[in-house]
PDB file of N, CA and C in Angstrom:
ATOM      1  N   MET A   1     -16.439   4.629  19.052  1.00  0.00           N
ATOM      2  CA  MET A   1     -15.780   5.665  18.289  1.00  0.00           C
ATOM      3  C   MET A   1     -14.482   5.106  17.726  1.00  0.00           C
ATOM      4  N   PRO A   2     -14.316   5.012  16.423  1.00  0.00           N
ATOM      5  CA  PRO A   2     -13.063   4.517  15.862  1.00  0.00           C
ATOM      6  C   PRO A   2     -11.963   5.552  15.999  1.00  0.00           C
ATOM      7  N   ILE A   3     -10.807   5.105  16.362  1.00  0.00           N
ATOM      8  CA  ILE A   3      -9.653   5.977  16.545  1.00  0.00           C
ATOM      9  C   ILE A   3      -8.563   5.535  15.576  1.00  0.00           C
ATOM     10  N   THR A   4      -8.012   6.463  14.818  1.00  0.00           N
ATOM     11  CA  THR A   4      -6.910   6.148  13.928  1.00  0.00           C
ATOM     12  C   THR A   4      -5.636   6.683  14.556  1.00  0.00           C
ATOM     13  N   GLY A   5      -4.756   5.771  14.925  1.00  0.00           N
ATOM     14  CA  GLY A   5      -3.508   6.147  15.570  1.00  0.00           C
ATOM     15  C   GLY A   5      -2.452   6.535  14.561  1.00  0.00           C
ATOM     16  N   PRO A   6      -1.264   6.873  15.041  1.00  0.00           N
ATOM     17  CA  PRO A   6      -0.203   7.337  14.167  1.00  0.00           C
ATOM     18  C   PRO A   6       0.297   6.268  13.206  1.00  0.00           C
ATOM     19  N   THR A   7       0.045   5.005  13.485  1.00  0.00           N
ATOM     20  CA  THR A   7       0.475   3.947  12.580  1.00  0.00           C
ATOM     21  C   THR A   7      -0.559   3.690  11.507  1.00  0.00           C
ATOM     22  N   GLY A   8      -1.708   4.374  11.578  1.00  0.00           N
ATOM     23  CA  GLY A   8      -2.763   4.194  10.603  1.00  0.00           C
ATOM     24  C   GLY A   8      -3.744   3.112  10.990  1.00  0.00           C
ATOM     25  N   ASN A   9      -3.469   2.414  12.074  1.00  0.00           N
ATOM     26  CA  ASN A   9      -4.382   1.381  12.541  1.00  0.00           C
ATOM     27  C   ASN A   9      -5.569   2.020  13.237  1.00  0.00           C
ATOM     28  N   THR A  10      -6.751   1.442  13.047  1.00  0.00           N
ATOM     29  CA  THR A  10      -7.934   1.953  13.713  1.00  0.00           C
ATOM     30  C   THR A  10      -8.246   1.075  14.905  1.00  0.00           C
ATOM     31  N   LYS A  11      -8.447   1.688  16.039  1.00  0.00           N
ATOM     32  CA  LYS A  11      -8.789   0.956  17.252  1.00  0.00           C
ATOM     33  C   LYS A  11     -10.154   1.420  17.711  1.00  0.00           C
ATOM     34  N   GLN A  12     -11.057   0.495  17.897  1.00  0.00           N
ATOM     35  CA  GLN A  12     -12.391   0.816  18.381  1.00  0.00           C
ATOM     36  C   GLN A  12     -12.324   0.944  19.901  1.00  0.00           C
ATOM     37  N   LEU A  13     -12.530   2.145  20.421  1.00  0.00           N
ATOM     38  CA  LEU A  13     -12.532   2.357  21.863  1.00  0.00           C
ATOM     39  C   LEU A  13     -13.951   2.286  22.376  1.00  0.00           C
ATOM     40  N   SER A  14     -14.119   1.554  23.444  1.00  0.00           N
ATOM     41  CA  SER A  14     -15.410   1.472  24.116  1.00  0.00           C
ATOM     42  C   SER A  14     -15.259   2.052  25.504  1.00  0.00           C
ATOM     43  N   LYS A  15     -16.345   2.463  26.098  1.00  0.00           N
ATOM     44  CA  LYS A  15     -16.309   3.032  27.437  1.00  0.00           C
ATOM     45  C   LYS A  15     -15.582   2.077  28.378  1.00  0.00           C
ATOM     46  N   GLY A  16     -14.605   2.610  29.093  1.00  0.00           N
ATOM     47  CA  GLY A  16     -13.832   1.821  30.036  1.00  0.00           C
ATOM     48  C   GLY A  16     -12.513   1.288  29.491  1.00  0.00           C
ATOM     49  N   ASP A  17     -12.264   1.419  28.177  1.00  0.00           N
ATOM     50  CA  ASP A  17     -10.989   0.985  27.600  1.00  0.00           C
ATOM     51  C   ASP A  17      -9.876   1.949  27.999  1.00  0.00           C
ATOM     52  N   GLY A  18      -8.656   1.441  28.036  1.00  0.00           N
ATOM     53  CA  GLY A  18      -7.502   2.293  28.290  1.00  0.00           C
ATOM     54  C   GLY A  18      -7.218   3.181  27.093  1.00  0.00           C
ATOM     55  N   LEU A  19      -6.773   4.398  27.363  1.00  0.00           N
ATOM     56  CA  LEU A  19      -6.483   5.360  26.296  1.00  0.00           C
ATOM     57  C   LEU A  19      -5.073   5.237  25.738  1.00  0.00           C
ATOM     58  N   TYR A  20      -4.222   4.445  26.351  1.00  0.00           N
ATOM     59  CA  TYR A  20      -2.821   4.383  25.946  1.00  0.00           C
ATOM     60  C   TYR A  20      -2.435   2.959  25.584  1.00  0.00           C
ATOM     61  N   GLU A  21      -1.420   2.852  24.677  1.00  0.00           N
ATOM     62  CA  GLU A  21      -0.969   1.543  24.227  1.00  0.00           C
ATOM     63  C   GLU A  21       0.518   1.613  23.909  1.00  0.00           C
ATOM     64  N   VAL A  22       1.235   0.540  24.187  1.00  0.00           N
ATOM     65  CA  VAL A  22       2.631   0.421  23.794  1.00  0.00           C
ATOM     66  C   VAL A  22       2.662   0.031  22.317  1.00  0.00           C
ATOM     67  N   GLN A  23       3.462   0.750  21.539  1.00  0.00           N
ATOM     68  CA  GLN A  23       3.577   0.475  20.109  1.00  0.00           C
ATOM     69  C   GLN A  23       5.044   0.489  19.689  1.00  0.00           C
ATOM     70  N   TYR A  24       5.353  -0.283  18.651  1.00  0.00           N
ATOM     71  CA  TYR A  24       6.686  -0.328  18.057  1.00  0.00           C
ATOM     72  C   TYR A  24       6.654   0.530  16.797  1.00  0.00           C
ATOM     73  N   GLN A  25       7.368   1.672  16.828  1.00  0.00           N
ATOM     74  CA  GLN A  25       7.357   2.604  15.705  1.00  0.00           C
ATOM     75  C   GLN A  25       8.779   3.090  15.407  1.00  0.00           C
ATOM     76  N   PRO A  26       9.641   2.208  14.896  1.00  0.00           N
ATOM     77  CA  PRO A  26      11.036   2.609  14.670  1.00  0.00           C
ATOM     78  C   PRO A  26      11.205   3.736  13.657  1.00  0.00           C
ATOM     79  N   ARG A  27      10.307   3.866  12.715  1.00  0.00           N
ATOM     80  CA  ARG A  27      10.447   4.936  11.704  1.00  0.00           C
ATOM     81  C   ARG A  27      10.162   6.320  12.270  1.00  0.00           C
ATOM     82  N   LYS A  28       9.377   6.392  13.333  1.00  0.00           N
ATOM     83  CA  LYS A  28       9.046   7.688  13.927  1.00  0.00           C
ATOM     84  C   LYS A  28       9.938   8.037  15.118  1.00  0.00           C
ATOM     85  N   ALA A  29      10.703   7.078  15.595  1.00  0.00           N
ATOM     86  CA  ALA A  29      11.530   7.282  16.786  1.00  0.00           C
ATOM     87  C   ALA A  29      12.596   8.351  16.535  1.00  0.00           C
ATOM     88  N   PRO A  30      12.714   9.343  17.429  1.00  0.00           N
ATOM     89  CA  PRO A  30      13.751  10.360  17.272  1.00  0.00           C
ATOM     90  C   PRO A  30      15.155   9.789  17.507  1.00  0.00           C
ATOM     91  N   ASP A  31      15.230   8.690  18.245  1.00  0.00           N
ATOM     92  CA  ASP A  31      16.491   7.998  18.516  1.00  0.00           C
ATOM     93  C   ASP A  31      16.296   6.540  18.085  1.00  0.00           C
ATOM     94  N   PRO A  32      17.038   6.057  17.097  1.00  0.00           N
ATOM     95  CA  PRO A  32      16.833   4.699  16.593  1.00  0.00           C
ATOM     96  C   PRO A  32      16.977   3.609  17.654  1.00  0.00           C
ATOM     97  N   SER A  33      17.664   3.915  18.745  1.00  0.00           N
ATOM     98  CA  SER A  33      17.826   2.911  19.801  1.00  0.00           C
ATOM     99  C   SER A  33      16.600   2.816  20.707  1.00  0.00           C
ATOM    100  N   LYS A  34      15.614   3.693  20.488  1.00  0.00           N
ATOM    101  CA  LYS A  34      14.396   3.703  21.310  1.00  0.00           C
ATOM    102  C   LYS A  34      13.156   3.648  20.408  1.00  0.00           C
ATOM    103  N   PRO A  35      12.840   2.450  19.860  1.00  0.00           N
ATOM    104  CA  PRO A  35      11.730   2.335  18.921  1.00  0.00           C
ATOM    105  C   PRO A  35      10.356   2.085  19.560  1.00  0.00           C
ATOM    106  N   TRP A  36      10.309   1.852  20.863  1.00  0.00           N
ATOM    107  CA  TRP A  36       9.041   1.545  21.539  1.00  0.00           C
ATOM    108  C   TRP A  36       8.462   2.815  22.150  1.00  0.00           C
ATOM    109  N   CYS A  37       7.176   3.043  21.937  1.00  0.00           N
ATOM    110  CA  CYS A  37       6.549   4.265  22.452  1.00  0.00           C
ATOM    111  C   CYS A  37       5.214   3.958  23.106  1.00  0.00           C
ATOM    112  N   ILE A  38       4.739   4.926  23.856  1.00  0.00           N
ATOM    113  CA  ILE A  38       3.401   4.865  24.450  1.00  0.00           C
ATOM    114  C   ILE A  38       2.570   5.895  23.701  1.00  0.00           C
ATOM    115  N   THR A  39       1.509   5.422  23.081  1.00  0.00           N
ATOM    116  CA  THR A  39       0.676   6.259  22.234  1.00  0.00           C
ATOM    117  C   THR A  39      -0.697   6.462  22.852  1.00  0.00           C
ATOM    118  N   ASN A  40      -1.172   7.705  22.809  1.00  0.00           N
ATOM    119  CA  ASN A  40      -2.549   8.010  23.194  1.00  0.00           C
ATOM    120  C   ASN A  40      -3.423   7.583  22.023  1.00  0.00           C
ATOM    121  N   LEU A  41      -4.284   6.605  22.215  1.00  0.00           N
ATOM    122  CA  LEU A  41      -5.091   6.062  21.128  1.00  0.00           C
ATOM    123  C   LEU A  41      -6.181   7.014  20.660  1.00  0.00           C
ATOM    124  N   LYS A  42      -6.531   7.970  21.471  1.00  0.00           N
ATOM    125  CA  LYS A  42      -7.564   8.934  21.079  1.00  0.00           C
ATOM    126  C   LYS A  42      -6.983  10.032  20.200  1.00  0.00           C
ATOM    127  N   THR A  43      -5.778  10.502  20.540  1.00  0.00           N
ATOM    128  CA  THR A  43      -5.187  11.638  19.830  1.00  0.00           C
ATOM    129  C   THR A  43      -4.023  11.251  18.916  1.00  0.00           C
ATOM    130  N   GLY A  44      -3.437  10.072  19.124  1.00  0.00           N
ATOM    131  CA  GLY A  44      -2.257   9.677  18.368  1.00  0.00           C
ATOM    132  C   GLY A  44      -0.969  10.280  18.907  1.00  0.00           C
ATOM    133  N   ASP A  45      -1.051  11.036  19.987  1.00  0.00           N
ATOM    134  CA  ASP A  45       0.088  11.734  20.571  1.00  0.00           C
ATOM    135  C   ASP A  45       1.048  10.752  21.238  1.00  0.00           C
ATOM    136  N   ILE A  46       2.329  10.959  21.028  1.00  0.00           N
ATOM    137  CA  ILE A  46       3.360  10.149  21.680  1.00  0.00           C
ATOM    138  C   ILE A  46       4.034  10.953  22.790  1.00  0.00           C
ATOM    139  N   ALA A  47       4.186  12.224  22.620  1.00  0.00           N
ATOM    140  CA  ALA A  47       4.703  13.149  23.638  1.00  0.00           C
ATOM    141  C   ALA A  47       6.034  12.714  24.245  1.00  0.00           C
ATOM    142  N   GLY A  48       6.957  12.254  23.405  1.00  0.00           N
ATOM    143  CA  GLY A  48       8.296  11.970  23.884  1.00  0.00           C
ATOM    144  C   GLY A  48       8.445  10.730  24.741  1.00  0.00           C
ATOM    145  N   ARG A  49       7.455   9.867  24.764  1.00  0.00           N
ATOM    146  CA  ARG A  49       7.525   8.659  25.594  1.00  0.00           C
ATOM    147  C   ARG A  49       8.124   7.508  24.775  1.00  0.00           C
ATOM    148  N   TRP A  50       9.452   7.508  24.614  1.00  0.00           N
ATOM    149  CA  TRP A  50      10.155   6.504  23.812  1.00  0.00           C
ATOM    150  C   TRP A  50      11.051   5.664  24.703  1.00  0.00           C
ATOM    151  N   HIS A  51      11.170   4.358  24.369  1.00  0.00           N
ATOM    152  CA  HIS A  51      11.929   3.420  25.199  1.00  0.00           C
ATOM    153  C   HIS A  51      12.730   2.457  24.339  1.00  0.00           C
ATOM    154  N   MET A  52      13.799   1.908  24.930  1.00  0.00           N
ATOM    155  CA  MET A  52      14.662   0.955  24.235  1.00  0.00           C
ATOM    156  C   MET A  52      13.993  -0.413  24.090  1.00  0.00           C
ATOM    157  N   THR A  53      13.221  -0.813  25.080  1.00  0.00           N
ATOM    158  CA  THR A  53      12.609  -2.141  25.044  1.00  0.00           C
ATOM    159  C   THR A  53      11.099  -2.049  25.284  1.00  0.00           C
ATOM    160  N   LYS A  54      10.419  -3.080  24.831  1.00  0.00           N
ATOM    161  CA  LYS A  54       8.978  -3.155  25.044  1.00  0.00           C
ATOM    162  C   LYS A  54       8.674  -3.232  26.541  1.00  0.00           C
ATOM    163  N   SER A  55       9.480  -3.965  27.283  1.00  0.00           N
ATOM    164  CA  SER A  55       9.220  -4.092  28.723  1.00  0.00           C
ATOM    165  C   SER A  55       9.388  -2.763  29.451  1.00  0.00           C
ATOM    166  N   GLN A  56      10.333  -1.928  29.015  1.00  0.00           N
ATOM    167  CA  GLN A  56      10.479  -0.596  29.617  1.00  0.00           C
ATOM    168  C   GLN A  56       9.236   0.247  29.343  1.00  0.00           C
ATOM    169  N   ALA A  57       8.737   0.196  28.112  1.00  0.00           N
ATOM    170  CA  ALA A  57       7.532   0.951  27.755  1.00  0.00           C
ATOM    171  C   ALA A  57       6.329   0.435  28.539  1.00  0.00           C
ATOM    172  N   GLN A  58       6.214  -0.876  28.687  1.00  0.00           N
ATOM    173  CA  GLN A  58       5.111  -1.440  29.451  1.00  0.00           C
ATOM    174  C   GLN A  58       5.180  -1.023  30.916  1.00  0.00           C
ATOM    175  N   GLY A  59       6.395  -0.917  31.457  1.00  0.00           N
ATOM    176  CA  GLY A  59       6.569  -0.451  32.831  1.00  0.00           C
ATOM    177  C   GLY A  59       6.087   0.983  33.001  1.00  0.00           C
ATOM    178  N   GLN A  60       6.427   1.846  32.032  1.00  0.00           N
ATOM    179  CA  GLN A  60       5.962   3.226  32.115  1.00  0.00           C
ATOM    180  C   GLN A  60       4.448   3.291  31.958  1.00  0.00           C
ATOM    181  N   LEU A  61       3.907   2.487  31.060  1.00  0.00           N
ATOM    182  CA  LEU A  61       2.462   2.472  30.858  1.00  0.00           C
ATOM    183  C   LEU A  61       1.747   2.050  32.144  1.00  0.00           C
ATOM    184  N   LYS A  62       2.274   1.051  32.803  1.00  0.00           N
ATOM    185  CA  LYS A  62       1.691   0.596  34.073  1.00  0.00           C
ATOM    186  C   LYS A  62       1.717   1.716  35.115  1.00  0.00           C
ATOM    187  N   ALA A  63       2.839   2.427  35.194  1.00  0.00           N
ATOM    188  CA  ALA A  63       2.957   3.549  36.134  1.00  0.00           C
ATOM    189  C   ALA A  63       2.001   4.680  35.776  1.00  0.00           C
ATOM    190  N   MET A  64       1.849   4.943  34.482  1.00  0.00           N
ATOM    191  CA  MET A  64       0.918   5.997  34.047  1.00  0.00           C
ATOM    192  C   MET A  64      -0.509   5.675  34.478  1.00  0.00           C
ATOM    193  N   TYR A  65      -0.928   4.437  34.243  1.00  0.00           N
ATOM    194  CA  TYR A  65      -2.281   4.043  34.631  1.00  0.00           C
ATOM    195  C   TYR A  65      -2.460   4.124  36.141  1.00  0.00           C
ATOM    196  N   ALA A  66      -1.431   3.743  36.902  1.00  0.00           N
ATOM    197  CA  ALA A  66      -1.516   3.817  38.368  1.00  0.00           C
ATOM    198  C   ALA A  66      -1.657   5.263  38.837  1.00  0.00           C
ATOM    199  N   ASN A  67      -0.911   6.179  38.205  1.00  0.00           N
ATOM    200  CA  ASN A  67      -0.946   7.589  38.600  1.00  0.00           C
ATOM    201  C   ASN A  67      -2.176   8.323  38.095  1.00  0.00           C
ATOM    202  N   MET A  68      -2.659   7.989  36.906  1.00  0.00           N
ATOM    203  CA  MET A  68      -3.768   8.723  36.295  1.00  0.00           C
ATOM    204  C   MET A  68      -5.139   8.182  36.683  1.00  0.00           C
ATOM    205  N   GLY A  69      -5.204   6.935  37.103  1.00  0.00           N
ATOM    206  CA  GLY A  69      -6.484   6.356  37.488  1.00  0.00           C
ATOM    207  C   GLY A  69      -7.510   6.455  36.377  1.00  0.00           C
ATOM    208  N   ASP A  70      -8.676   6.976  36.675  1.00  0.00           N
ATOM    209  CA  ASP A  70      -9.777   7.078  35.704  1.00  0.00           C
ATOM    210  C   ASP A  70      -9.486   8.009  34.537  1.00  0.00           C
ATOM    211  N   LYS A  71      -8.529   8.927  34.690  1.00  0.00           N
ATOM    212  CA  LYS A  71      -8.204   9.845  33.604  1.00  0.00           C
ATOM    213  C   LYS A  71      -7.513   9.127  32.437  1.00  0.00           C
ATOM    214  N   ALA A  72      -6.996   7.913  32.671  1.00  0.00           N
ATOM    215  CA  ALA A  72      -6.331   7.154  31.619  1.00  0.00           C
ATOM    216  C   ALA A  72      -7.278   6.190  30.929  1.00  0.00           C
ATOM    217  N   VAL A  73      -8.560   6.321  31.215  1.00  0.00           N
ATOM    218  CA  VAL A  73      -9.569   5.424  30.657  1.00  0.00           C
ATOM    219  C   VAL A  73     -10.546   6.222  29.811  1.00  0.00           C
ATOM    220  N   TYR A  74     -10.941   5.657  28.661  1.00  0.00           N
ATOM    221  CA  TYR A  74     -11.889   6.304  27.785  1.00  0.00           C
ATOM    222  C   TYR A  74     -13.266   6.292  28.438  1.00  0.00           C
ATOM    223  N   SER A  75     -13.870   7.480  28.589  1.00  0.00           N
ATOM    224  CA  SER A  75     -15.149   7.578  29.270  1.00  0.00           C
ATOM    225  C   SER A  75     -16.322   7.795  28.314  1.00  0.00           C
ATOM    226  N   GLY A  76     -16.028   7.861  27.020  1.00  0.00           N
ATOM    227  CA  GLY A  76     -17.099   7.981  26.022  1.00  0.00           C
ATOM    228  C   GLY A  76     -17.634   9.294  25.870  1.00  0.00           C
TER     229      GLY A  76
END
Protein backbone atom coordinates (compact mmCIF):
# COMPACT_ATOMS: atom_id res chain seq x y z
CA MET A 1 0.00 0.00 0.00
CA PRO A 2 1.67 3.28 -1.02
CA ILE A 3 1.56 5.96 1.63
CA THR A 4 1.99 9.66 0.85
CA GLY A 5 3.37 11.49 3.85
CA PRO A 6 3.20 15.18 4.66
CA THR A 7 6.37 15.88 2.67
CA GLY A 8 4.77 14.41 -0.45
CA ASN A 9 7.09 11.43 -0.48
CA THR A 10 5.51 8.05 -1.07
CA LYS A 11 6.62 5.19 1.14
CA GLN A 12 5.68 1.64 0.28
CA LEU A 13 4.67 -0.07 3.53
CA SER A 14 4.81 -3.82 3.73
CA LYS A 15 3.51 -6.04 6.49
CA GLY A 16 5.83 -5.74 9.47
CA ASP A 17 7.25 -2.29 8.59
CA GLY A 18 7.31 0.42 11.24
CA LEU A 19 4.54 3.00 11.00
CA TYR A 20 6.65 5.93 12.20
CA GLU A 21 9.69 7.76 10.84
CA VAL A 22 11.90 10.66 11.89
CA GLN A 23 11.67 13.47 9.34
CA TYR A 24 13.20 16.94 8.92
CA GLN A 25 10.39 19.41 8.18
CA PRO A 26 11.50 22.94 9.11
CA ARG A 27 8.73 24.61 7.08
CA LYS A 28 5.99 22.84 9.04
CA ALA A 29 7.60 23.18 12.48
CA PRO A 30 5.56 25.36 14.87
CA ASP A 31 8.86 26.37 16.52
CA PRO A 32 11.79 27.00 14.12
CA SER A 33 14.22 25.64 16.71
CA LYS A 34 12.52 22.22 16.53
CA PRO A 35 12.56 21.09 12.86
CA TRP A 36 12.73 17.31 13.48
CA CYS A 37 9.48 15.39 13.83
CA ILE A 38 8.12 11.88 14.13
CA THR A 39 5.59 11.20 11.40
CA ASN A 40 2.99 8.45 11.14
CA LEU A 41 3.66 7.13 7.63
CA LYS A 42 0.14 5.78 7.25
CA THR A 43 -1.74 8.97 8.18
CA GLY A 44 0.89 11.71 7.81
CA ASP A 45 0.07 12.83 11.37
CA ILE A 46 2.81 14.51 13.40
CA ALA A 47 0.74 15.15 16.55
CA GLY A 48 3.10 17.66 18.14
CA ARG A 49 6.15 15.38 18.19
CA TRP A 50 8.81 18.02 17.36
CA HIS A 51 12.47 18.02 18.45
CA MET A 52 15.56 20.23 18.25
CA THR A 53 17.85 17.46 17.00
CA LYS A 54 17.56 14.32 14.94
CA SER A 55 19.01 12.28 17.80
CA GLN A 56 16.31 13.55 20.19
CA ALA A 57 13.61 12.54 17.68
CA GLN A 58 15.24 9.14 17.20
CA GLY A 59 15.28 8.66 20.98
CA GLN A 60 11.55 9.35 21.19
CA LEU A 61 10.89 7.07 18.23
CA LYS A 62 12.81 4.27 19.95
CA ALA A 63 10.77 4.78 23.13
CA MET A 64 7.51 4.82 21.16
CA TYR A 65 8.32 1.50 19.50
CA ALA A 66 9.30 0.00 22.88
CA ASN A 67 6.01 1.15 24.47
CA MET A 68 3.68 0.39 21.54
CA GLY A 69 5.12 -2.97 20.50
CA ASP A 70 3.09 -4.48 17.66
CA LYS A 71 0.76 -1.46 17.51
CA ALA A 72 3.64 0.57 15.99
CA VAL A 73 4.01 -1.88 13.11
CA TYR A 74 2.02 -1.97 9.89
CA SER A 75 -0.08 -5.14 9.91
CA GLY A 76 -1.56 -4.84 6.41
